[in-house]
Amino acid sequence: MKNKKPSAAVEKRWLQRVAEHGCVVNGNSQVQLHHSMGREARSQKMFIGRWFVLPLSEWLHDVGSNHPWNITHHRNEFIKEFGLESEIWRAMCFKLEEQEPLPFGEDVINAVLATSR
């Protein structure tokens, strides 16, 4: 698959699918989208930032939350409790792929997994 940033429409559809998935930790339908490495991130010369997104409940993501597993403030504690973001993301992708094809290829998946995040 060609290595380029997605169009706005493709990215919007992806983010909608991710949000509809619900929180990857507890299934809550009210989520905030966490760009694990930022929107412009690259790994292995691949654009991954717009794909590497996790839907998280507010208490796990919002800057105003002081929960001990809040990924914004306590990333290491989040990882200890739930695992690496890349592994959680891959599991979510497997579920989403059952409904319709992913908008990116194995090269992006491998690049995300290589981050060890």
PDB file of N, CA and C in Angstrom:
ATOM      1  N   MET A   1       0.850  -1.170   0.000  1.00  0.00           N
ATOM      2  CA  MET A   1       0.000   0.000   0.000  1.00  0.00           C
ATOM      3  C   MET A   1       0.898   1.235   0.000  1.00  0.00           C
ATOM      4  N   LYS A   2       0.502   2.250  -0.717  1.00  0.00           N
ATOM      5  CA  LYS A   2       1.286   3.470  -0.834  1.00  0.00           C
ATOM      6  C   LYS A   2       1.391   4.187   0.515  1.00  0.00           C
ATOM      7  N   ASN A   3       2.594   4.679   0.806  1.00  0.00           N
ATOM      8  CA  ASN A   3       2.848   5.349   2.079  1.00  0.00           C
ATOM      9  C   ASN A   3       2.559   6.835   1.962  1.00  0.00           C
ATOM     10  N   LYS A   4       1.360   7.220   2.302  1.00  0.00           N
ATOM     11  CA  LYS A   4       0.999   8.634   2.295  1.00  0.00           C
ATOM     12  C   LYS A   4      -0.045   8.874   3.371  1.00  0.00           C
ATOM     13  N   LYS A   5      -0.185  10.132   3.744  1.00  0.00           N
ATOM     14  CA  LYS A   5      -1.210  10.488   4.717  1.00  0.00           C
ATOM     15  C   LYS A   5      -2.578  10.283   4.074  1.00  0.00           C
ATOM     16  N   PRO A   6      -3.565   9.894   4.869  1.00  0.00           N
ATOM     17  CA  PRO A   6      -4.904   9.692   4.308  1.00  0.00           C
ATOM     18  C   PRO A   6      -5.562  11.022   3.947  1.00  0.00           C
ATOM     19  N   SER A   7      -6.493  10.952   3.022  1.00  0.00           N
ATOM     20  CA  SER A   7      -7.295  12.142   2.726  1.00  0.00           C
ATOM     21  C   SER A   7      -8.137  12.464   3.958  1.00  0.00           C
ATOM     22  N   ALA A   8      -8.642  13.674   4.017  1.00  0.00           N
ATOM     23  CA  ALA A   8      -9.469  14.086   5.157  1.00  0.00           C
ATOM     24  C   ALA A   8     -10.690  13.179   5.300  1.00  0.00           C
ATOM     25  N   ALA A   9     -11.290  12.793   4.183  1.00  0.00           N
ATOM     26  CA  ALA A   9     -12.490  11.946   4.229  1.00  0.00           C
ATOM     27  C   ALA A   9     -12.162  10.553   4.763  1.00  0.00           C
ATOM     28  N   VAL A  10     -11.048   9.989   4.319  1.00  0.00           N
ATOM     29  CA  VAL A  10     -10.649   8.653   4.776  1.00  0.00           C
ATOM     30  C   VAL A  10     -10.301   8.695   6.264  1.00  0.00           C
ATOM     31  N   GLU A  11      -9.577   9.728   6.667  1.00  0.00           N
ATOM     32  CA  GLU A  11      -9.226   9.861   8.079  1.00  0.00           C
ATOM     33  C   GLU A  11     -10.482  10.037   8.936  1.00  0.00           C
ATOM     34  N   LYS A  12     -11.410  10.854   8.484  1.00  0.00           N
ATOM     35  CA  LYS A  12     -12.650  11.092   9.234  1.00  0.00           C
ATOM     36  C   LYS A  12     -13.428   9.791   9.411  1.00  0.00           C
ATOM     37  N   ARG A  13     -13.522   8.996   8.349  1.00  0.00           N
ATOM     38  CA  ARG A  13     -14.235   7.716   8.427  1.00  0.00           C
ATOM     39  C   ARG A  13     -13.530   6.774   9.398  1.00  0.00           C
ATOM     40  N   TRP A  14     -12.196   6.739   9.374  1.00  0.00           N
ATOM     41  CA  TRP A  14     -11.442   5.889  10.290  1.00  0.00           C
ATOM     42  C   TRP A  14     -11.712   6.301  11.742  1.00  0.00           C
ATOM     43  N   LEU A  15     -11.636   7.594  12.019  1.00  0.00           N
ATOM     44  CA  LEU A  15     -11.865   8.075  13.380  1.00  0.00           C
ATOM     45  C   LEU A  15     -13.289   7.780  13.845  1.00  0.00           C
ATOM     46  N   GLN A  16     -14.232   7.830  12.923  1.00  0.00           N
ATOM     47  CA  GLN A  16     -15.617   7.486  13.250  1.00  0.00           C
ATOM     48  C   GLN A  16     -15.716   6.007  13.629  1.00  0.00           C
ATOM     49  N   ARG A  17     -15.077   5.151  12.858  1.00  0.00           N
ATOM     50  CA  ARG A  17     -15.084   3.713  13.162  1.00  0.00           C
ATOM     51  C   ARG A  17     -14.444   3.442  14.521  1.00  0.00           C
ATOM     52  N   VAL A  18     -13.324   4.106  14.778  1.00  0.00           N
ATOM     53  CA  VAL A  18     -12.621   3.927  16.049  1.00  0.00           C
ATOM     54  C   VAL A  18     -13.522   4.363  17.206  1.00  0.00           C
ATOM     55  N   ALA A  19     -14.152   5.518  17.076  1.00  0.00           N
ATOM     56  CA  ALA A  19     -15.038   6.017  18.138  1.00  0.00           C
ATOM     57  C   ALA A  19     -16.223   5.078  18.354  1.00  0.00           C
ATOM     58  N   GLU A  20     -16.797   4.570  17.272  1.00  0.00           N
ATOM     59  CA  GLU A  20     -17.944   3.661  17.376  1.00  0.00           C
ATOM     60  C   GLU A  20     -17.569   2.345  18.048  1.00  0.00           C
ATOM     61  N   HIS A  21     -16.313   1.975  17.994  1.00  0.00           N
ATOM     62  CA  HIS A  21     -15.838   0.755  18.646  1.00  0.00           C
ATOM     63  C   HIS A  21     -16.085   0.814  20.149  1.00  0.00           C
ATOM     64  N   GLY A  22     -15.991   2.011  20.718  1.00  0.00           N
ATOM     65  CA  GLY A  22     -16.106   2.163  22.164  1.00  0.00           C
ATOM     66  C   GLY A  22     -14.742   2.043  22.817  1.00  0.00           C
ATOM     67  N   CYS A  23     -14.685   2.385  24.075  1.00  0.00           N
ATOM     68  CA  CYS A  23     -13.422   2.372  24.810  1.00  0.00           C
ATOM     69  C   CYS A  23     -12.781   0.986  24.735  1.00  0.00           C
ATOM     70  N   VAL A  24     -11.499   0.958  24.405  1.00  0.00           N
ATOM     71  CA  VAL A  24     -10.791  -0.315  24.280  1.00  0.00           C
ATOM     72  C   VAL A  24     -10.551  -0.975  25.635  1.00  0.00           C
ATOM     73  N   VAL A  25     -10.785  -0.257  26.709  1.00  0.00           N
ATOM     74  CA  VAL A  25     -10.592  -0.810  28.045  1.00  0.00           C
ATOM     75  C   VAL A  25     -11.895  -1.333  28.633  1.00  0.00           C
ATOM     76  N   ASN A  26     -12.976  -0.541  28.523  1.00  0.00           N
ATOM     77  CA  ASN A  26     -14.216  -0.935  29.200  1.00  0.00           C
ATOM     78  C   ASN A  26     -15.463  -0.919  28.315  1.00  0.00           C
ATOM     79  N   GLY A  27     -15.308  -0.626  27.019  1.00  0.00           N
ATOM     80  CA  GLY A  27     -16.439  -0.651  26.103  1.00  0.00           C
ATOM     81  C   GLY A  27     -17.358   0.551  26.163  1.00  0.00           C
ATOM     82  N   ASN A  28     -17.074   1.506  27.028  1.00  0.00           N
ATOM     83  CA  ASN A  28     -17.894   2.710  27.157  1.00  0.00           C
ATOM     84  C   ASN A  28     -18.050   3.378  25.793  1.00  0.00           C
ATOM     85  N   SER A  29     -19.270   3.809  25.482  1.00  0.00           N
ATOM     86  CA  SER A  29     -19.518   4.432  24.174  1.00  0.00           C
ATOM     87  C   SER A  29     -19.136   5.909  24.134  1.00  0.00           C
ATOM     88  N   GLN A  30     -18.955   6.524  25.288  1.00  0.00           N
ATOM     89  CA  GLN A  30     -18.522   7.927  25.345  1.00  0.00           C
ATOM     90  C   GLN A  30     -16.997   7.943  25.417  1.00  0.00           C
ATOM     91  N   VAL A  31     -16.351   8.289  24.307  1.00  0.00           N
ATOM     92  CA  VAL A  31     -14.890   8.199  24.253  1.00  0.00           C
ATOM     93  C   VAL A  31     -14.242   9.501  23.806  1.00  0.00           C
ATOM     94  N   GLN A  32     -12.981   9.589  24.121  1.00  0.00           N
ATOM     95  CA  GLN A  32     -12.090  10.592  23.556  1.00  0.00           C
ATOM     96  C   GLN A  32     -11.067   9.816  22.738  1.00  0.00           C
ATOM     97  N   LEU A  33     -10.635  10.396  21.629  1.00  0.00           N
ATOM     98  CA  LEU A  33      -9.678   9.711  20.764  1.00  0.00           C
ATOM     99  C   LEU A  33      -8.253  10.103  21.142  1.00  0.00           C
ATOM    100  N   HIS A  34      -7.459   9.096  21.412  1.00  0.00           N
ATOM    101  CA  HIS A  34      -6.067   9.278  21.835  1.00  0.00           C
ATOM    102  C   HIS A  34      -5.141   8.933  20.674  1.00  0.00           C
ATOM    103  N   HIS A  35      -4.469   9.939  20.125  1.00  0.00           N
ATOM    104  CA  HIS A  35      -3.448   9.709  19.094  1.00  0.00           C
ATOM    105  C   HIS A  35      -2.173   9.319  19.840  1.00  0.00           C
ATOM    106  N   SER A  36      -1.869   8.054  19.830  1.00  0.00           N
ATOM    107  CA  SER A  36      -0.830   7.502  20.691  1.00  0.00           C
ATOM    108  C   SER A  36       0.533   8.161  20.544  1.00  0.00           C
ATOM    109  N   MET A  37       0.879   8.567  19.342  1.00  0.00           N
ATOM    110  CA  MET A  37       2.180   9.210  19.124  1.00  0.00           C
ATOM    111  C   MET A  37       2.035  10.571  18.458  1.00  0.00           C
ATOM    112  N   GLY A  38       0.829  11.093  18.410  1.00  0.00           N
ATOM    113  CA  GLY A  38       0.577  12.358  17.727  1.00  0.00           C
ATOM    114  C   GLY A  38       0.144  12.112  16.289  1.00  0.00           C
ATOM    115  N   ARG A  39      -0.566  13.067  15.709  1.00  0.00           N
ATOM    116  CA  ARG A  39      -1.138  12.896  14.365  1.00  0.00           C
ATOM    117  C   ARG A  39      -0.094  12.778  13.263  1.00  0.00           C
ATOM    118  N   GLU A  40       1.087  13.325  13.469  1.00  0.00           N
ATOM    119  CA  GLU A  40       2.102  13.339  12.412  1.00  0.00           C
ATOM    120  C   GLU A  40       3.175  12.266  12.593  1.00  0.00           C
ATOM    121  N   ALA A  41       2.966  11.334  13.496  1.00  0.00           N
ATOM    122  CA  ALA A  41       3.988  10.335  13.822  1.00  0.00           C
ATOM    123  C   ALA A  41       4.325   9.430  12.644  1.00  0.00           C
ATOM    124  N   ARG A  42       5.584   9.012  12.649  1.00  0.00           N
ATOM    125  CA  ARG A  42       6.087   8.037  11.680  1.00  0.00           C
ATOM    126  C   ARG A  42       6.816   6.932  12.438  1.00  0.00           C
ATOM    127  N   SER A  43       6.837   5.777  11.827  1.00  0.00           N
ATOM    128  CA  SER A  43       7.630   4.654  12.318  1.00  0.00           C
ATOM    129  C   SER A  43       8.064   3.875  11.090  1.00  0.00           C
ATOM    130  N   GLN A  44       9.309   3.510  11.044  1.00  0.00           N
ATOM    131  CA  GLN A  44       9.858   2.778   9.896  1.00  0.00           C
ATOM    132  C   GLN A  44       9.531   3.491   8.584  1.00  0.00           C
ATOM    133  N   LYS A  45       9.625   4.804   8.596  1.00  0.00           N
ATOM    134  CA  LYS A  45       9.367   5.667   7.437  1.00  0.00           C
ATOM    135  C   LYS A  45       7.920   5.614   6.947  1.00  0.00           C
ATOM    136  N   MET A  46       7.043   5.111   7.801  1.00  0.00           N
ATOM    137  CA  MET A  46       5.621   5.027   7.460  1.00  0.00           C
ATOM    138  C   MET A  46       4.852   6.066   8.265  1.00  0.00           C
ATOM    139  N   PHE A  47       3.870   6.706   7.632  1.00  0.00           N
ATOM    140  CA  PHE A  47       2.956   7.572   8.360  1.00  0.00           C
ATOM    141  C   PHE A  47       2.031   6.683   9.188  1.00  0.00           C
ATOM    142  N   ILE A  48       2.043   6.868  10.498  1.00  0.00           N
ATOM    143  CA  ILE A  48       1.166   6.056  11.353  1.00  0.00           C
ATOM    144  C   ILE A  48       0.290   6.899  12.272  1.00  0.00           C
ATOM    145  N   GLY A  49       0.624   8.155  12.446  1.00  0.00           N
ATOM    146  CA  GLY A  49      -0.036   8.986  13.449  1.00  0.00           C
ATOM    147  C   GLY A  49      -1.538   9.092  13.321  1.00  0.00           C
ATOM    148  N   ARG A  50      -2.035   9.131  12.107  1.00  0.00           N
ATOM    149  CA  ARG A  50      -3.482   9.287  11.914  1.00  0.00           C
ATOM    150  C   ARG A  50      -4.224   7.959  12.013  1.00  0.00           C
ATOM    151  N   TRP A  51      -3.470   6.871  12.014  1.00  0.00           N
ATOM    152  CA  TRP A  51      -4.064   5.539  12.159  1.00  0.00           C
ATOM    153  C   TRP A  51      -3.957   5.025  13.586  1.00  0.00           C
ATOM    154  N   PHE A  52      -2.857   5.339  14.262  1.00  0.00           N
ATOM    155  CA  PHE A  52      -2.563   4.810  15.596  1.00  0.00           C
ATOM    156  C   PHE A  52      -3.337   5.616  16.641  1.00  0.00           C
ATOM    157  N   VAL A  53      -4.628   5.308  16.734  1.00  0.00           N
ATOM    158  CA  VAL A  53      -5.567   6.058  17.572  1.00  0.00           C
ATOM    159  C   VAL A  53      -6.362   5.070  18.427  1.00  0.00           C
ATOM    160  N   LEU A  54      -6.481   5.376  19.701  1.00  0.00           N
ATOM    161  CA  LEU A  54      -7.256   4.539  20.617  1.00  0.00           C
ATOM    162  C   LEU A  54      -8.458   5.305  21.157  1.00  0.00           C
ATOM    163  N   PRO A  55      -9.632   4.663  21.182  1.00  0.00           N
ATOM    164  CA  PRO A  55     -10.788   5.275  21.838  1.00  0.00           C
ATOM    165  C   PRO A  55     -10.741   4.953  23.335  1.00  0.00           C
ATOM    166  N   LEU A  56     -10.711   5.997  24.145  1.00  0.00           N
ATOM    167  CA  LEU A  56     -10.606   5.810  25.593  1.00  0.00           C
ATOM    168  C   LEU A  56     -11.701   6.585  26.317  1.00  0.00           C
ATOM    169  N   SER A  57     -12.176   6.019  27.403  1.00  0.00           N
ATOM    170  CA  SER A  57     -13.114   6.733  28.265  1.00  0.00           C
ATOM    171  C   SER A  57     -12.436   8.000  28.775  1.00  0.00           C
ATOM    172  N   GLU A  58     -13.263   8.999  29.072  1.00  0.00           N
ATOM    173  CA  GLU A  58     -12.736  10.300  29.501  1.00  0.00           C
ATOM    174  C   GLU A  58     -11.755  10.178  30.666  1.00  0.00           C
ATOM    175  N   TRP A  59     -12.091   9.374  31.655  1.00  0.00           N
ATOM    176  CA  TRP A  59     -11.235   9.257  32.840  1.00  0.00           C
ATOM    177  C   TRP A  59      -9.881   8.646  32.524  1.00  0.00           C
ATOM    178  N   LEU A  60      -9.771   7.962  31.391  1.00  0.00           N
ATOM    179  CA  LEU A  60      -8.494   7.373  30.983  1.00  0.00           C
ATOM    180  C   LEU A  60      -7.676   8.289  30.081  1.00  0.00           C
ATOM    181  N   HIS A  61      -8.280   9.381  29.599  1.00  0.00           N
ATOM    182  CA  HIS A  61      -7.585  10.218  28.619  1.00  0.00           C
ATOM    183  C   HIS A  61      -7.592  11.703  28.930  1.00  0.00           C
ATOM    184  N   ASP A  62      -8.670  12.222  29.431  1.00  0.00           N
ATOM    185  CA  ASP A  62      -8.827  13.668  29.565  1.00  0.00           C
ATOM    186  C   ASP A  62      -7.761  14.284  30.470  1.00  0.00           C
ATOM    187  N   VAL A  63      -7.238  15.411  30.033  1.00  0.00           N
ATOM    188  CA  VAL A  63      -6.192  16.102  30.783  1.00  0.00           C
ATOM    189  C   VAL A  63      -6.675  16.522  32.168  1.00  0.00           C
ATOM    190  N   GLY A  64      -7.970  16.696  32.345  1.00  0.00           N
ATOM    191  CA  GLY A  64      -8.533  17.085  33.633  1.00  0.00           C
ATOM    192  C   GLY A  64      -8.731  15.935  34.607  1.00  0.00           C
ATOM    193  N   SER A  65      -8.547  14.711  34.140  1.00  0.00           N
ATOM    194  CA  SER A  65      -8.720  13.543  34.996  1.00  0.00           C
ATOM    195  C   SER A  65      -7.405  13.214  35.700  1.00  0.00           C
ATOM    196  N   ASN A  66      -7.498  12.912  36.979  1.00  0.00           N
ATOM    197  CA  ASN A  66      -6.299  12.528  37.718  1.00  0.00           C
ATOM    198  C   ASN A  66      -6.346  11.052  38.105  1.00  0.00           C
ATOM    199  N   HIS A  67      -7.093  10.262  37.331  1.00  0.00           N
ATOM    200  CA  HIS A  67      -7.173   8.832  37.609  1.00  0.00           C
ATOM    201  C   HIS A  67      -5.774   8.223  37.490  1.00  0.00           C
ATOM    202  N   PRO A  68      -5.428   7.260  38.334  1.00  0.00           N
ATOM    203  CA  PRO A  68      -4.074   6.694  38.291  1.00  0.00           C
ATOM    204  C   PRO A  68      -3.738   5.948  36.994  1.00  0.00           C
ATOM    205  N   TRP A  69      -4.747   5.611  36.180  1.00  0.00           N
ATOM    206  CA  TRP A  69      -4.482   4.950  34.899  1.00  0.00           C
ATOM    207  C   TRP A  69      -4.663   5.896  33.718  1.00  0.00           C
ATOM    208  N   ASN A  70      -4.829   7.183  33.973  1.00  0.00           N
ATOM    209  CA  ASN A  70      -4.995   8.163  32.895  1.00  0.00           C
ATOM    210  C   ASN A  70      -3.735   8.172  32.037  1.00  0.00           C
ATOM    211  N   ILE A  71      -3.905   7.882  30.760  1.00  0.00           N
ATOM    212  CA  ILE A  71      -2.761   7.745  29.862  1.00  0.00           C
ATOM    213  C   ILE A  71      -2.031   9.064  29.635  1.00  0.00           C
ATOM    214  N   THR A  72      -2.731  10.168  29.760  1.00  0.00           N
ATOM    215  CA  THR A  72      -2.114  11.477  29.561  1.00  0.00           C
ATOM    216  C   THR A  72      -1.116  11.794  30.673  1.00  0.00           C
ATOM    217  N   HIS A  73      -1.462  11.430  31.894  1.00  0.00           N
ATOM    218  CA  HIS A  73      -0.617  11.759  33.042  1.00  0.00           C
ATOM    219  C   HIS A  73       0.198  10.578  33.567  1.00  0.00           C
ATOM    220  N   HIS A  74      -0.296   9.365  33.373  1.00  0.00           N
ATOM    221  CA  HIS A  74       0.322   8.184  33.993  1.00  0.00           C
ATOM    222  C   HIS A  74       0.452   7.044  32.978  1.00  0.00           C
ATOM    223  N   ARG A  75       1.147   7.314  31.883  1.00  0.00           N
ATOM    224  CA  ARG A  75       1.244   6.334  30.798  1.00  0.00           C
ATOM    225  C   ARG A  75       1.780   4.978  31.279  1.00  0.00           C
ATOM    226  N   ASN A  76       2.822   4.996  32.094  1.00  0.00           N
ATOM    227  CA  ASN A  76       3.406   3.734  32.553  1.00  0.00           C
ATOM    228  C   ASN A  76       2.416   2.917  33.375  1.00  0.00           C
ATOM    229  N   GLU A  77       1.608   3.583  34.180  1.00  0.00           N
ATOM    230  CA  GLU A  77       0.594   2.876  34.969  1.00  0.00           C
ATOM    231  C   GLU A  77      -0.490   2.299  34.056  1.00  0.00           C
ATOM    232  N   PHE A  78      -0.871   3.053  33.028  1.00  0.00           N
ATOM    233  CA  PHE A  78      -1.838   2.555  32.047  1.00  0.00           C
ATOM    234  C   PHE A  78      -1.303   1.271  31.412  1.00  0.00           C
ATOM    235  N   ILE A  79      -0.047   1.300  30.992  1.00  0.00           N
ATOM    236  CA  ILE A  79       0.559   0.137  30.335  1.00  0.00           C
ATOM    237  C   ILE A  79       0.638  -1.052  31.289  1.00  0.00           C
ATOM    238  N   LYS A  80       1.005  -0.810  32.532  1.00  0.00           N
ATOM    239  CA  LYS A  80       1.062  -1.905  33.510  1.00  0.00           C
ATOM    240  C   LYS A  80      -0.302  -2.570  33.671  1.00  0.00           C
ATOM    241  N   GLU A  81      -1.351  -1.753  33.642  1.00  0.00           N
ATOM    242  CA  GLU A  81      -2.703  -2.276  33.862  1.00  0.00           C
ATOM    243  C   GLU A  81      -3.300  -2.935  32.620  1.00  0.00           C
ATOM    244  N   PHE A  82      -3.066  -2.343  31.430  1.00  0.00           N
ATOM    245  CA  PHE A  82      -3.785  -2.778  30.232  1.00  0.00           C
ATOM    246  C   PHE A  82      -2.901  -3.311  29.104  1.00  0.00           C
ATOM    247  N   GLY A  83      -1.612  -3.073  29.156  1.00  0.00           N
ATOM    248  CA  GLY A  83      -0.717  -3.534  28.097  1.00  0.00           C
ATOM    249  C   GLY A  83      -0.289  -2.397  27.185  1.00  0.00           C
ATOM    250  N   LEU A  84       0.569  -2.726  26.240  1.00  0.00           N
ATOM    251  CA  LEU A  84       1.089  -1.733  25.299  1.00  0.00           C
ATOM    252  C   LEU A  84      -0.020  -1.175  24.418  1.00  0.00           C
ATOM    253  N   GLU A  85       0.060   0.114  24.145  1.00  0.00           N
ATOM    254  CA  GLU A  85      -0.919   0.759  23.272  1.00  0.00           C
ATOM    255  C   GLU A  85      -0.960   0.090  21.902  1.00  0.00           C
ATOM    256  N   SER A  86       0.196  -0.274  21.374  1.00  0.00           N
ATOM    257  CA  SER A  86       0.240  -0.886  20.041  1.00  0.00           C
ATOM    258  C   SER A  86      -0.484  -2.231  20.015  1.00  0.00           C
ATOM    259  N   GLU A  87      -0.366  -2.998  21.085  1.00  0.00           N
ATOM    260  CA  GLU A  87      -1.046  -4.295  21.147  1.00  0.00           C
ATOM    261  C   GLU A  87      -2.559  -4.124  21.312  1.00  0.00           C
ATOM    262  N   ILE A  88      -2.953  -3.152  22.115  1.00  0.00           N
ATOM    263  CA  ILE A  88      -4.383  -2.852  22.279  1.00  0.00           C
ATOM    264  C   ILE A  88      -4.954  -2.391  20.944  1.00  0.00           C
ATOM    265  N   TRP A  89      -4.207  -1.524  20.256  1.00  0.00           N
ATOM    266  CA  TRP A  89      -4.626  -1.011  18.946  1.00  0.00           C
ATOM    267  C   TRP A  89      -4.782  -2.156  17.941  1.00  0.00           C
ATOM    268  N   ARG A  90      -3.834  -3.085  17.928  1.00  0.00           N
ATOM    269  CA  ARG A  90      -3.907  -4.208  16.981  1.00  0.00           C
ATOM    270  C   ARG A  90      -5.142  -5.066  17.253  1.00  0.00           C
ATOM    271  N   ALA A  91      -5.432  -5.320  18.512  1.00  0.00           N
ATOM    272  CA  ALA A  91      -6.628  -6.103  18.856  1.00  0.00           C
ATOM    273  C   ALA A  91      -7.889  -5.386  18.389  1.00  0.00           C
ATOM    274  N   MET A  92      -7.926  -4.064  18.562  1.00  0.00           N
ATOM    275  CA  MET A  92      -9.072  -3.285  18.088  1.00  0.00           C
ATOM    276  C   MET A  92      -9.185  -3.399  16.568  1.00  0.00           C
ATOM    277  N   CYS A  93      -8.059  -3.317  15.881  1.00  0.00           N
ATOM    278  CA  CYS A  93      -8.072  -3.409  14.416  1.00  0.00           C
ATOM    279  C   CYS A  93      -8.617  -4.755  13.946  1.00  0.00           C
ATOM    280  N   PHE A  94      -8.262  -5.843  14.637  1.00  0.00           N
ATOM    281  CA  PHE A  94      -8.804  -7.161  14.283  1.00  0.00           C
ATOM    282  C   PHE A  94     -10.328  -7.133  14.325  1.00  0.00           C
ATOM    283  N   LYS A  95     -10.883  -6.536  15.376  1.00  0.00           N
ATOM    284  CA  LYS A  95     -12.345  -6.464  15.506  1.00  0.00           C
ATOM    285  C   LYS A  95     -12.956  -5.598  14.413  1.00  0.00           C
ATOM    286  N   LEU A  96     -12.340  -4.449  14.149  1.00  0.00           N
ATOM    287  CA  LEU A  96     -12.872  -3.553  13.119  1.00  0.00           C
ATOM    288  C   LEU A  96     -12.785  -4.185  11.735  1.00  0.00           C
ATOM    289  N   GLU A  97     -11.747  -4.967  11.512  1.00  0.00           N
ATOM    290  CA  GLU A  97     -11.550  -5.606  10.210  1.00  0.00           C
ATOM    291  C   GLU A  97     -12.612  -6.664   9.933  1.00  0.00           C
ATOM    292  N   GLU A  98     -13.215  -7.212  10.973  1.00  0.00           N
ATOM    293  CA  GLU A  98     -14.302  -8.176  10.791  1.00  0.00           C
ATOM    294  C   GLU A  98     -15.521  -7.516  10.149  1.00  0.00           C
ATOM    295  N   GLN A  99     -15.688  -6.208  10.381  1.00  0.00           N
ATOM    296  CA  GLN A  99     -16.839  -5.477   9.856  1.00  0.00           C
ATOM    297  C   GLN A  99     -16.601  -4.967   8.440  1.00  0.00           C
ATOM    298  N   GLU A 100     -15.414  -4.444   8.192  1.00  0.00           N
ATOM    299  CA  GLU A 100     -15.038  -3.964   6.856  1.00  0.00           C
ATOM    300  C   GLU A 100     -13.523  -3.824   6.809  1.00  0.00           C
ATOM    301  N   PRO A 101     -12.950  -3.823   5.616  1.00  0.00           N
ATOM    302  CA  PRO A 101     -11.489  -3.744   5.511  1.00  0.00           C
ATOM    303  C   PRO A 101     -10.933  -2.480   6.172  1.00  0.00           C
ATOM    304  N   LEU A 102      -9.724  -2.618   6.668  1.00  0.00           N
ATOM    305  CA  LEU A 102      -9.035  -1.464   7.240  1.00  0.00           C
ATOM    306  C   LEU A 102      -8.564  -0.553   6.113  1.00  0.00           C
ATOM    307  N   PRO A 103      -8.454   0.756   6.369  1.00  0.00           N
ATOM    308  CA  PRO A 103      -8.044   1.686   5.313  1.00  0.00           C
ATOM    309  C   PRO A 103      -6.526   1.775   5.137  1.00  0.00           C
ATOM    310  N   PHE A 104      -5.799   0.839   5.702  1.00  0.00           N
ATOM    311  CA  PHE A 104      -4.338   0.804   5.599  1.00  0.00           C
ATOM    312  C   PHE A 104      -3.909  -0.652   5.542  1.00  0.00           C
ATOM    313  N   GLY A 105      -2.669  -0.862   5.164  1.00  0.00           N
ATOM    314  CA  GLY A 105      -2.182  -2.219   4.975  1.00  0.00           C
ATOM    315  C   GLY A 105      -1.341  -2.747   6.126  1.00  0.00           C
ATOM    316  N   GLU A 106      -0.853  -3.963   5.930  1.00  0.00           N
ATOM    317  CA  GLU A 106      -0.011  -4.634   6.920  1.00  0.00           C
ATOM    318  C   GLU A 106       1.243  -3.830   7.218  1.00  0.00           C
ATOM    319  N   ASP A 107       1.730  -3.065   6.236  1.00  0.00           N
ATOM    320  CA  ASP A 107       2.932  -2.261   6.454  1.00  0.00           C
ATOM    321  C   ASP A 107       2.714  -1.245   7.571  1.00  0.00           C
ATOM    322  N   VAL A 108       1.552  -0.635   7.624  1.00  0.00           N
ATOM    323  CA  VAL A 108       1.232   0.315   8.696  1.00  0.00           C
ATOM    324  C   VAL A 108       1.098  -0.433  10.024  1.00  0.00           C
ATOM    325  N   ILE A 109       0.436  -1.563  10.011  1.00  0.00           N
ATOM    326  CA  ILE A 109       0.281  -2.361  11.234  1.00  0.00           C
ATOM    327  C   ILE A 109       1.648  -2.741  11.789  1.00  0.00           C
ATOM    328  N   ASN A 110       2.533  -3.221  10.929  1.00  0.00           N
ATOM    329  CA  ASN A 110       3.871  -3.602  11.372  1.00  0.00           C
ATOM    330  C   ASN A 110       4.657  -2.407  11.894  1.00  0.00           C
ATOM    331  N   ALA A 111       4.486  -1.255  11.263  1.00  0.00           N
ATOM    332  CA  ALA A 111       5.180  -0.044  11.715  1.00  0.00           C
ATOM    333  C   ALA A 111       4.680   0.386  13.096  1.00  0.00           C
ATOM    334  N   VAL A 112       3.372   0.261  13.331  1.00  0.00           N
ATOM    335  CA  VAL A 112       2.828   0.594  14.654  1.00  0.00           C
ATOM    336  C   VAL A 112       3.362  -0.386  15.692  1.00  0.00           C
ATOM    337  N   LEU A 113       3.330  -1.667  15.385  1.00  0.00           N
ATOM    338  CA  LEU A 113       3.811  -2.671  16.337  1.00  0.00           C
ATOM    339  C   LEU A 113       5.297  -2.496  16.638  1.00  0.00           C
ATOM    340  N   ALA A 114       6.055  -1.991  15.683  1.00  0.00           N
ATOM    341  CA  ALA A 114       7.494  -1.774  15.869  1.00  0.00           C
ATOM    342  C   ALA A 114       7.800  -0.635  16.839  1.00  0.00           C
ATOM    343  N   THR A 115       6.809   0.184  17.142  1.00  0.00           N
ATOM    344  CA  THR A 115       7.050   1.309  18.049  1.00  0.00           C
ATOM    345  C   THR A 115       7.272   0.851  19.486  1.00  0.00           C
ATOM    346  N   SER A 116       6.799  -0.331  19.819  1.00  0.00           N
ATOM    347  CA  SER A 116       6.874  -0.850  21.195  1.00  0.00           C
ATOM    348  C   SER A 116       6.236   0.104  22.196  1.00  0.00           C
ATOM    349  N   ARG A 117       5.229   0.813  21.747  1.00  0.00           N
ATOM    350  CA  ARG A 117       4.493   1.741  22.615  1.00  0.00           C
ATOM    351  C   ARG A 117       3.304   1.069  23.207  1.00  0.00           C
TER     352      ARG A 117
END
